[in-house]
Protein backbone atom coordinates (compact mmCIF):
# COMPACT_ATOMS: atom_id res chain seq x y z
CA MET A 1 -39.56 79.18 -16.80
CA GLU A 2 -40.42 76.25 -14.56
CA ASN A 3 -38.17 73.22 -14.52
CA LYS A 4 -40.82 70.61 -15.28
CA PRO A 5 -39.78 67.05 -16.10
CA LYS A 6 -39.72 67.57 -19.88
CA GLU A 7 -36.93 65.04 -20.21
CA LEU A 8 -39.19 62.41 -18.68
CA ALA A 9 -40.01 60.13 -21.59
CA GLU A 10 -43.10 57.94 -21.56
CA ASP A 11 -40.93 54.84 -21.83
CA LEU A 12 -39.26 55.50 -18.46
CA PHE A 13 -42.11 53.58 -16.88
CA PRO A 14 -42.57 50.80 -16.12
CA LEU A 15 -39.22 51.07 -14.31
CA LEU A 16 -37.65 47.89 -12.98
CA MET A 17 -37.54 47.90 -9.16
CA SER A 18 -34.14 47.43 -7.59
CA SER A 19 -33.55 44.80 -4.92
CA ILE A 20 -33.10 47.39 -2.16
CA GLU A 21 -36.38 49.06 -3.17
CA LYS A 22 -38.24 45.75 -2.96
CA PHE A 23 -36.64 45.08 0.42
CA HIS A 24 -37.92 48.36 1.88
CA TRP A 25 -41.30 47.90 0.23
CA TYR A 26 -41.75 44.46 1.77
CA ASP A 27 -40.57 45.77 5.15
CA SER A 28 -43.41 48.27 5.54
CA ARG A 29 -46.29 47.17 7.77
CA PRO A 30 -48.84 48.66 10.22
CA GLY A 31 -47.26 50.21 13.29
CA HIS A 32 -43.88 50.35 11.55
CA PRO A 33 -44.46 52.09 8.21
CA ASN A 34 -41.24 52.33 6.24
CA PHE A 35 -41.37 56.09 5.76
CA ILE A 36 -38.69 58.71 6.22
CA PHE A 37 -40.47 61.14 8.54
CA GLY A 38 -39.82 64.77 9.22
CA ARG A 39 -41.31 67.83 10.83
CA LEU A 40 -40.48 71.51 10.71
CA GLU A 41 -41.58 74.22 13.10
CA PHE A 42 -41.70 77.71 11.60
CA ARG A 43 -41.75 81.09 13.30
CA LYS A 44 -44.43 82.21 10.90
CA ARG A 45 -47.77 81.24 9.46
CA ILE A 46 -47.78 79.09 6.35
CA ASP A 47 -50.32 79.94 3.65
CA PRO A 48 -52.12 76.62 3.04
CA ALA A 49 -53.03 77.47 -0.57
CA LEU A 50 -49.43 78.32 -1.48
CA ALA A 51 -48.17 75.31 0.49
CA GLU A 52 -50.41 72.91 -1.42
CA GLU A 53 -49.51 74.46 -4.77
CA ALA A 54 -45.80 74.23 -3.91
CA TRP A 55 -46.26 70.61 -2.83
CA LYS A 56 -47.86 69.66 -6.15
CA ILE A 57 -45.07 71.36 -8.09
CA ALA A 58 -42.40 69.68 -5.95
CA LEU A 59 -43.92 66.23 -6.46
CA GLY A 60 -44.32 66.94 -10.15
CA ARG A 61 -40.52 67.15 -10.33
CA GLN A 62 -40.13 63.74 -8.69
CA PRO A 63 -41.07 60.86 -11.05
CA LEU A 64 -41.05 58.32 -8.21
CA ALA A 65 -43.46 60.34 -6.08
CA GLY A 66 -46.53 58.84 -7.71
CA VAL A 67 -45.55 55.24 -8.45
CA GLN A 68 -46.94 51.89 -7.42
CA PRO A 69 -45.57 48.34 -7.70
CA GLU A 70 -46.73 46.30 -10.64
CA LYS A 71 -45.73 42.76 -11.62
CA ILE A 72 -44.80 42.44 -15.28
CA LYS A 73 -43.53 39.13 -16.68
CA ARG A 74 -42.81 37.81 -13.17
CA ARG A 75 -40.69 40.85 -12.23
CA TRP A 76 -41.70 43.86 -10.14
CA HIS A 77 -41.65 47.28 -11.74
CA TRP A 78 -42.60 50.81 -10.74
CA ALA A 79 -45.62 52.07 -12.66
CA PRO A 80 -47.32 55.49 -12.46
CA GLY A 81 -49.98 55.54 -9.77
CA VAL A 82 -52.33 57.75 -11.78
CA ASP A 83 -54.41 57.13 -14.86
CA SER A 84 -53.13 58.17 -18.25
CA GLU A 85 -55.30 61.28 -18.49
CA ALA A 86 -54.21 62.52 -15.06
CA GLY A 87 -50.63 61.62 -15.89
CA ARG A 88 -50.71 63.76 -19.00
CA SER A 89 -52.08 66.68 -16.98
CA GLY A 90 -49.19 66.39 -14.53
CA VAL A 91 -51.24 65.31 -11.50
CA ILE A 92 -49.01 63.35 -9.14
CA LYS A 93 -50.36 61.28 -6.26
CA GLY A 94 -49.42 62.71 -2.89
CA SER A 95 -51.58 63.65 0.07
CA PHE A 96 -51.85 67.17 1.47
CA ASN A 97 -53.74 68.14 4.60
CA TYR A 98 -54.10 71.40 6.50
CA GLN A 99 -55.25 71.47 10.12
CA GLY A 100 -55.85 74.35 12.48
CA PHE A 101 -56.02 73.12 16.06
CA LYS A 102 -55.34 73.95 19.69
CA SER A 103 -54.04 70.56 20.80
CA LEU A 104 -51.99 67.80 19.28
CA PRO A 105 -54.01 65.72 16.78
CA GLU A 106 -53.91 61.97 16.50
CA ALA A 107 -50.73 60.45 15.09
CA TRP A 108 -50.68 59.35 11.50
CA ASP A 109 -51.92 55.86 10.87
CA PHE A 110 -50.38 54.57 7.64
CA GLU A 111 -51.83 51.53 6.00
CA ASP A 112 -49.63 48.56 5.25
CA CYS A 113 -48.03 48.83 1.84
CA GLU A 114 -49.02 45.45 0.44
CA LEU A 115 -49.01 44.25 -3.14
CA GLY A 116 -50.90 46.55 -5.45
CA ASP A 117 -51.19 49.41 -2.95
CA ALA A 118 -50.04 52.75 -4.26
CA LEU A 119 -47.14 54.48 -2.55
CA SER A 120 -47.10 58.21 -2.13
CA CYS A 121 -45.52 61.14 -0.37
CA HIS A 122 -47.43 62.94 2.35
CA LEU A 123 -47.39 66.49 3.62
CA GLU A 124 -49.49 67.83 6.47
CA ILE A 125 -49.64 71.44 7.66
CA ARG A 126 -50.73 71.93 11.26
CA ALA A 127 -51.25 75.51 12.38
CA GLY A 128 -52.53 76.80 15.69
CA ASN A 129 -51.73 77.38 19.36
CA PHE A 130 -49.10 74.87 20.46
CA GLN A 131 -48.84 75.97 24.07
CA GLY A 132 -49.09 73.00 26.42
CA ALA A 133 -47.55 70.65 23.86
CA SER A 134 -44.00 70.91 25.23
CA GLU A 135 -43.57 67.12 25.28
CA GLU A 136 -43.17 67.14 21.53
CA LEU A 137 -42.78 70.75 20.46
CA HIS A 138 -40.56 73.67 21.30
CA GLU A 139 -41.19 75.07 24.79
CA ALA A 140 -41.53 78.60 23.43
CA SER A 141 -44.22 77.65 20.92
CA VAL A 142 -46.97 80.24 20.73
CA ASP A 143 -49.90 81.01 18.50
CA GLY A 144 -48.60 81.93 15.07
CA LEU A 145 -46.12 79.09 14.62
CA THR A 146 -46.70 76.40 12.04
CA MET A 147 -45.81 72.72 12.20
CA VAL A 148 -45.16 70.92 8.92
CA TYR A 149 -45.16 67.11 8.93
CA PHE A 150 -44.07 65.10 5.91
CA ALA A 151 -43.29 61.53 4.96
CA VAL A 152 -41.54 59.93 1.99
CA HIS A 153 -41.62 56.16 1.55
CA HIS A 154 -38.17 54.62 1.95
CA SER A 155 -38.59 52.31 -1.03
CA ILE A 156 -38.68 55.30 -3.39
CA SER A 157 -36.24 57.59 -1.58
CA ASP A 158 -33.21 57.57 0.68
CA GLY A 159 -32.40 60.31 3.19
CA ALA A 160 -30.69 62.51 0.62
CA GLY A 161 -33.67 62.11 -1.69
CA ALA A 162 -36.11 63.04 1.08
CA ILE A 163 -34.07 66.17 1.82
CA LEU A 164 -34.24 67.06 -1.87
CA VAL A 165 -38.04 66.78 -1.89
CA VAL A 166 -38.45 68.87 1.28
CA ASN A 167 -35.88 71.47 0.22
CA GLU A 168 -37.59 71.89 -3.13
CA TRP A 169 -40.97 72.27 -1.47
CA LEU A 170 -39.57 74.96 0.83
CA ALA A 171 -37.82 76.75 -2.03
CA ILE A 172 -40.91 76.69 -4.25
CA TYR A 173 -43.11 77.93 -1.40
CA PHE A 174 -40.88 80.94 -0.70
CA ASN A 175 -40.64 81.65 -4.43
CA LEU A 176 -44.42 81.68 -4.74
CA GLU A 177 -44.74 83.81 -1.62
CA ALA A 178 -42.29 86.34 -3.06
CA GLY A 179 -44.06 86.39 -6.44
CA ARG A 180 -41.17 84.72 -8.29
CA VAL A 181 -41.28 81.87 -10.77
CA ALA A 182 -41.68 78.62 -8.80
CA ALA A 183 -38.46 76.97 -10.00
CA THR A 184 -36.21 79.98 -9.39
CA GLY A 185 -32.90 78.75 -7.94
CA LEU A 186 -33.71 75.04 -8.24
CA GLN A 187 -31.22 72.71 -9.87
CA ARG A 188 -32.10 70.94 -13.09
CA LEU A 189 -32.83 67.29 -12.44
CA GLU A 190 -31.59 64.48 -14.69
CA PHE A 191 -34.51 62.08 -14.81
CA GLU A 192 -32.77 59.64 -17.11
CA ARG A 193 -30.39 58.82 -14.26
CA LEU A 194 -33.22 56.85 -12.64
CA ARG A 195 -32.51 54.10 -15.17
CA THR A 196 -29.00 53.66 -13.79
CA ARG A 197 -29.79 54.22 -10.10
CA ASN A 198 -29.18 50.53 -9.40
CA HIS A 199 -25.89 50.28 -11.33
CA LEU A 200 -23.53 50.00 -8.39
CA GLY A 201 -20.64 48.50 -10.32
CA ILE A 202 -21.20 44.99 -9.00
CA LEU A 203 -21.18 43.43 -12.47
CA SER A 204 -18.91 45.92 -14.23
CA TRP A 205 -15.26 45.40 -15.15
CA GLY A 206 -14.27 48.17 -12.78
CA TYR A 207 -15.60 46.12 -9.88
CA LEU A 208 -13.78 42.93 -10.86
CA LYS A 209 -10.68 43.94 -8.86
CA HIS A 210 -12.86 44.08 -5.74
CA PHE A 211 -14.61 40.78 -6.41
CA PHE A 212 -11.93 38.69 -4.71
CA GLN A 213 -12.16 40.91 -1.63
CA GLN A 214 -15.75 39.93 -1.02
CA PRO A 215 -14.91 36.55 0.62
CA VAL A 216 -12.97 38.60 3.17
CA ALA A 217 -16.04 40.75 3.73
CA LEU A 218 -18.26 37.68 4.03
CA PHE A 219 -15.87 36.16 6.54
CA GLY A 220 -16.02 39.34 8.59
CA ALA A 221 -19.81 39.38 8.30
CA THR A 222 -20.07 36.03 10.06
CA LYS A 223 -19.56 37.78 13.38
CA PHE A 224 -22.92 39.50 12.88
CA ILE A 225 -24.53 36.13 12.27
CA PHE A 226 -23.07 34.25 15.23
CA ARG A 227 -22.78 37.18 17.64
CA LYS A 228 -26.02 38.24 19.29
CA SER A 229 -26.38 41.98 19.76
CA LEU A 230 -28.13 43.68 22.63
CA ASP A 231 -31.86 43.80 21.94
CA LEU A 232 -33.51 46.78 23.62
CA THR A 233 -36.99 45.46 22.83
CA ALA A 234 -36.51 42.87 25.57
CA GLN A 235 -36.74 45.67 28.15
CA LYS A 236 -40.18 47.07 27.48
CA ASP A 237 -41.23 50.16 29.39
CA VAL A 238 -44.62 51.48 28.37
CA ALA A 239 -45.75 52.82 31.73
CA ASP A 240 -47.76 55.60 30.09
CA GLY A 241 -49.78 53.04 28.14
CA SER A 242 -49.00 54.71 24.83
CA THR A 243 -50.49 53.09 21.76
CA ARG A 244 -49.41 55.76 19.29
CA LEU A 245 -48.12 54.67 15.93
CA SER A 246 -45.28 56.25 13.98
CA PRO A 247 -44.01 58.84 13.81
CA THR A 248 -42.94 59.25 17.45
CA ILE A 249 -40.07 61.75 17.35
CA ILE A 250 -38.19 63.83 19.90
CA GLY A 251 -35.22 66.11 19.31
CA HIS A 252 -32.66 68.46 20.88
CA TRP A 253 -30.33 71.17 19.61
CA VAL A 254 -26.56 71.03 20.11
CA ASP A 255 -25.22 74.57 19.92
CA ALA A 256 -22.22 75.96 18.08
CA ALA A 257 -19.90 75.90 21.10
CA ALA A 258 -20.35 72.16 21.61
CA VAL A 259 -20.01 71.52 17.87
CA GLY A 260 -16.75 73.45 17.93
CA GLY A 261 -15.49 71.24 20.75
CA LEU A 262 -16.35 68.10 18.79
CA ASN A 263 -14.57 69.49 15.73
CA ARG A 264 -11.45 70.23 17.74
CA GLU A 265 -11.49 66.72 19.15
CA SER A 266 -11.79 65.19 15.67
CA CYS A 267 -8.83 67.29 14.48
CA ARG A 268 -6.74 66.34 17.51
CA LEU A 269 -7.39 62.63 17.01
CA GLY A 270 -7.09 62.75 13.23
CA VAL A 271 -10.53 61.19 12.72
CA THR A 272 -13.69 62.33 10.96
CA PHE A 273 -16.42 64.29 12.68
CA ASN A 274 -18.77 61.38 11.99
CA SER A 275 -16.48 59.00 13.88
CA ILE A 276 -16.66 61.25 16.94
CA LEU A 277 -20.46 61.33 16.76
CA LEU A 278 -20.60 57.56 16.30
CA GLY A 279 -18.16 56.88 19.12
CA ARG A 280 -20.08 59.12 21.51
CA LEU A 281 -23.24 57.17 20.71
CA PHE A 282 -21.55 53.89 21.65
CA VAL A 283 -20.39 55.48 24.91
CA ALA A 284 -23.84 56.94 25.64
CA LEU A 285 -25.57 53.59 25.04
CA ALA A 286 -23.10 51.85 27.34
CA LYS A 287 -23.72 54.44 30.07
CA PHE A 288 -27.46 54.11 29.69
CA MET A 289 -27.33 50.30 29.93
CA ALA A 290 -25.19 50.58 33.05
CA ARG A 291 -27.89 52.71 34.68
CA ASP A 292 -30.75 50.60 33.36
CA GLY A 293 -30.05 47.65 35.64
CA GLY A 294 -28.80 44.17 34.88
CA ASP A 295 -25.34 42.99 33.97
CA HIS A 296 -24.76 43.96 30.35
CA ARG A 297 -20.99 44.39 30.47
CA LYS A 298 -20.31 41.46 28.14
CA ASP A 299 -23.19 42.22 25.77
CA TRP A 300 -22.58 43.56 22.28
CA LEU A 301 -23.88 46.92 21.13
CA ARG A 302 -24.56 46.96 17.38
CA ILE A 303 -25.06 50.22 15.51
CA ILE A 304 -26.47 50.04 11.99
CA LEU A 305 -24.94 52.79 9.89
CA PRO A 306 -26.67 53.73 6.60
CA ILE A 307 -24.21 54.83 3.92
CA SER A 308 -25.19 56.88 0.89
CA LEU A 309 -23.85 55.68 -2.45
CA ARG A 310 -24.63 58.92 -4.22
CA GLY A 311 -21.62 60.35 -6.00
CA MET A 312 -21.01 63.72 -7.59
CA SER A 313 -22.76 62.56 -10.76
CA ASP A 314 -25.91 61.77 -8.71
CA ARG A 315 -26.40 65.31 -7.45
CA ARG A 316 -28.91 66.00 -10.22
CA MET A 317 -30.75 62.70 -9.87
CA PRO A 318 -34.32 62.93 -8.54
CA ALA A 319 -35.19 61.28 -5.23
CA ALA A 320 -34.38 57.56 -5.31
CA ASN A 321 -33.02 54.93 -2.96
CA LYS A 322 -29.28 54.56 -3.41
CA THR A 323 -27.93 53.44 -0.07
CA THR A 324 -26.37 50.52 1.72
CA ILE A 325 -25.62 49.78 5.37
CA VAL A 326 -22.77 48.54 7.52
CA GLN A 327 -22.93 47.18 11.05
CA LEU A 328 -20.44 48.06 13.77
CA ASP A 329 -20.11 46.11 17.03
CA ARG A 330 -18.57 47.12 20.35
CA ARG A 331 -18.97 45.51 23.76
CA VAL A 332 -20.77 47.45 26.46
CA ASP A 333 -17.61 47.39 28.59
CA GLY A 334 -15.40 47.79 25.52
CA HIS A 335 -15.76 51.54 25.16
CA SER A 336 -13.08 53.72 26.60
CA GLU A 337 -12.28 57.38 26.96
CA ALA A 338 -8.90 56.61 25.38
CA ASP A 339 -8.13 58.16 22.01
CA SER A 340 -7.62 54.71 20.50
CA PHE A 341 -11.33 53.92 20.84
CA TYR A 342 -12.29 56.63 18.34
CA GLN A 343 -9.25 56.02 16.13
CA ASN A 344 -10.00 52.29 15.83
CA LEU A 345 -13.63 53.07 15.00
CA ASP A 346 -12.55 55.57 12.35
CA ARG A 347 -10.03 53.08 10.90
CA GLU A 348 -12.69 50.37 10.62
CA ILE A 349 -15.03 52.67 8.70
CA ARG A 350 -12.22 53.77 6.38
CA ILE A 351 -11.34 50.15 5.59
CA ILE A 352 -14.97 49.32 4.86
CA ARG A 353 -15.34 52.28 2.51
CA GLY A 354 -11.91 51.98 0.94
CA TRP A 355 -12.30 48.31 0.06
CA GLN A 356 -15.97 48.75 -0.88
CA LEU A 357 -16.95 46.18 1.70
CA ASP A 358 -20.13 48.15 2.34
CA LYS A 359 -21.46 46.61 -0.89
CA ILE A 360 -21.83 43.25 0.86
CA PHE A 361 -25.30 44.17 2.14
CA LEU A 362 -26.52 44.97 -1.37
CA ILE A 363 -24.98 41.77 -2.74
CA CYS A 364 -26.85 39.74 -0.13
CA ILE A 365 -30.12 41.54 -0.92
CA ARG A 366 -29.64 40.84 -4.64
CA LEU A 367 -28.98 37.17 -4.01
CA LEU A 368 -32.09 36.93 -1.86
CA ALA A 369 -34.12 38.70 -4.52
CA ILE A 370 -33.39 35.87 -6.98
CA VAL A 371 -35.93 33.87 -5.00
CA ASP A 372 -38.48 36.54 -4.12
CA PRO A 373 -40.12 34.71 -1.15
CA PHE A 374 -36.72 34.67 0.58
CA LEU A 375 -36.44 38.45 0.29
CA ARG A 376 -39.99 38.89 1.64
CA GLN A 377 -39.19 36.63 4.59
CA VAL A 378 -36.00 38.52 5.47
CA ALA A 379 -37.69 41.92 5.13
CA GLY A 380 -40.63 40.78 7.27
CA SER A 381 -38.51 39.29 10.03
CA ARG A 382 -39.10 40.75 13.49
CA LYS A 383 -35.73 39.57 14.78
CA SER A 384 -33.45 42.32 16.02
CA ARG A 385 -30.77 43.26 13.50
CA GLY A 386 -29.10 45.81 15.72
CA THR A 387 -29.33 47.88 18.87
CA VAL A 388 -29.93 51.23 17.13
CA VAL A 389 -29.68 52.89 13.73
CA PHE A 390 -27.52 56.01 13.40
CA THR A 391 -27.70 58.44 10.46
CA ASN A 392 -25.78 61.64 9.83
CA LEU A 393 -27.65 63.78 7.30
CA GLY A 394 -25.00 66.44 6.74
CA GLU A 395 -26.36 69.93 6.16
CA PRO A 396 -29.92 69.59 4.84
CA PHE A 397 -31.05 73.19 5.33
CA ARG A 398 -27.84 75.19 5.26
CA LYS A 399 -27.96 76.17 1.59
CA LEU A 400 -31.43 76.13 0.13
CA LEU A 401 -31.53 78.46 -2.86
CA LYS A 402 -29.02 79.97 -5.21
CA SER A 403 -31.21 83.05 -5.45
CA ARG A 404 -31.71 85.80 -2.90
CA SER A 405 -34.38 83.91 -1.02
CA LYS A 406 -33.02 81.45 1.50
CA LEU A 407 -34.20 79.59 4.55
CA ASN A 408 -32.21 80.45 7.66
CA CYS A 409 -32.19 79.83 11.39
CA GLU A 410 -34.58 82.73 11.93
CA VAL A 411 -37.31 80.96 9.95
CA ILE A 412 -36.99 77.41 11.25
CA GLU A 413 -37.43 77.10 14.99
CA GLN A 414 -36.70 73.38 14.98
CA PHE A 415 -36.66 70.43 12.61
CA ASP A 416 -36.39 66.67 12.77
CA LEU A 417 -35.75 64.28 9.90
CA VAL A 418 -35.55 60.59 10.77
CA GLY A 419 -35.53 57.20 9.11
CA PRO A 420 -38.02 54.41 9.85
CA VAL A 421 -37.86 52.15 12.90
CA ARG A 422 -38.14 48.39 12.59
CA GLU A 423 -39.86 46.01 14.98
CA GLY A 424 -36.50 44.50 15.84
CA THR A 425 -34.53 47.75 15.91
CA PRO A 426 -36.77 50.29 17.63
CA LEU A 427 -34.42 53.28 17.89
CA ASN A 428 -33.24 55.48 15.03
CA TYR A 429 -30.90 58.34 15.93
CA THR A 430 -30.33 61.11 13.40
CA VAL A 431 -27.87 63.99 13.53
CA ALA A 432 -28.29 66.82 11.02
CA ARG A 433 -26.55 70.16 10.60
CA HIS A 434 -28.45 73.40 10.48
CA GLY A 435 -26.05 76.28 10.08
CA ASP A 436 -23.44 75.98 12.83
CA ARG A 437 -25.68 73.87 15.08
CA LEU A 438 -26.63 70.20 15.20
CA ARG A 439 -30.12 68.82 15.52
CA VAL A 440 -30.18 65.40 17.23
CA SER A 441 -33.44 63.53 16.68
CA LEU A 442 -34.72 60.18 17.91
CA HIS A 443 -37.47 58.19 16.21
CA TYR A 444 -38.56 55.48 18.61
CA ASP A 445 -41.11 52.68 18.83
CA ALA A 446 -43.71 53.92 21.33
CA SER A 447 -44.97 50.38 21.91
CA VAL A 448 -41.59 49.47 23.44
CA PHE A 449 -40.39 52.70 25.06
CA SER A 450 -42.27 55.18 27.17
CA ALA A 451 -41.78 58.85 26.36
CA LYS A 452 -39.75 59.23 29.57
CA ARG A 453 -37.35 56.42 28.73
CA ALA A 454 -36.93 57.64 25.16
CA GLU A 455 -36.11 61.11 26.46
CA GLU A 456 -33.50 59.60 28.78
CA LEU A 457 -31.94 57.74 25.84
CA LEU A 458 -31.69 60.95 23.84
CA GLU A 459 -30.52 63.07 26.77
CA THR A 460 -27.72 60.62 27.53
CA TYR A 461 -26.38 60.99 24.00
CA VAL A 462 -26.80 64.77 23.84
CA SER A 463 -25.08 65.16 27.21
CA ASP A 464 -22.14 63.15 25.91
CA LEU A 465 -21.84 65.50 22.94
CA TYR A 466 -21.58 68.35 25.44
CA ARG A 467 -19.03 66.55 27.58
CA ASP A 468 -16.08 68.74 26.52
CA SER A 469 -18.09 71.95 26.47
CA SER A 470 -19.15 74.23 29.28
CA CYS A 471 -22.45 74.80 27.46
CA GLU A 472 -25.65 73.02 28.35
CA ALA A 473 -28.08 71.42 25.96
CA ASN A 474 -31.13 73.34 24.91
């Protein structure tokens, strides 16, 4: 029996948009579409008919997959992006495209998501001979592999939500291929939780004890206002004359031996694995700037760190945006190989999370949203907010199904899942687990960085992750 959204009452929509959703919606524009992008390379052919059927079923389980903004009584709401007849028949808006080709096609060109434009999820299957495409694909690619590209708009989904959509599509596809019921092994989603997706405790009694801590957070936030971070867009290098739009993604594997070394280091220092990954990125950026020419020793590197606010009770919630961000600064010459560098970084993150100071970003967005033009102006600003964005996605493809069918390393040759890039912050690093390996991906602005320079930026980071290992990067 398929797990269709039977609990989805007609009165769920129109659904009031949250401030963070409006922020990401306003931020999307041509050249920098605010989509979470991904691509998977399979060691097998994908049946396009089954893939499209699985995609429709997957989107049918996601109420926000076919919504569009609608202004009702001077407030923005999500409304279904299909007519009532199509809505009753379960048709959800979401593009699907299958291409067979022998060379890389043109990059996607997403239209600007302006007022009244419908938002949707996209999936594109590209099958064919990928030899000669080693710049972007696996060097061992041969005829018979399949590339799957997908995109989920950030205003209707965070990284965890995007993983849920992709995982469900994969699970449904393999169920259909094996002749099983489509929803076999899928978790039951709680659609009613979408009503409370924006209840972050800011106005609840439980949050009152943290209210008086917010002036402390605001005082600490002033450093990000008065301290200018290093802006990599000022050093444009587009020697190859690339005019490609998003997504422009490159990636590398970090094998199990190197991951083991990083785990041992985190245990020795008494810090989280994430703090090691974050610290190595600071070090790698500093090394790259030292090689890139110019005196940047006194400049500030700022890493924007997205933080998921999903708790245990949100595991069954459909894809939605429930995140915040924090910003961490370190001087280019302030990094050190000393243990204290990683321990101080870990301590700062623990304080932010423990005192719920990460909520300050959402509070600011909510205050701006009171006067909507202010929120639009902030979201549309091209000023640099940071040097790079760094996201750790956990283990998106380690456990796919509860049933016998599962996706393993033998099926996926490579994958990349990255967040959007902004005009002011053109680099988005993502680290994701796949089994006992790590996949490090970089989504970069091709109008600012050449492919060669972007590869150097990624290689510098990957090499630093291998620093304590005798292994070499793939």
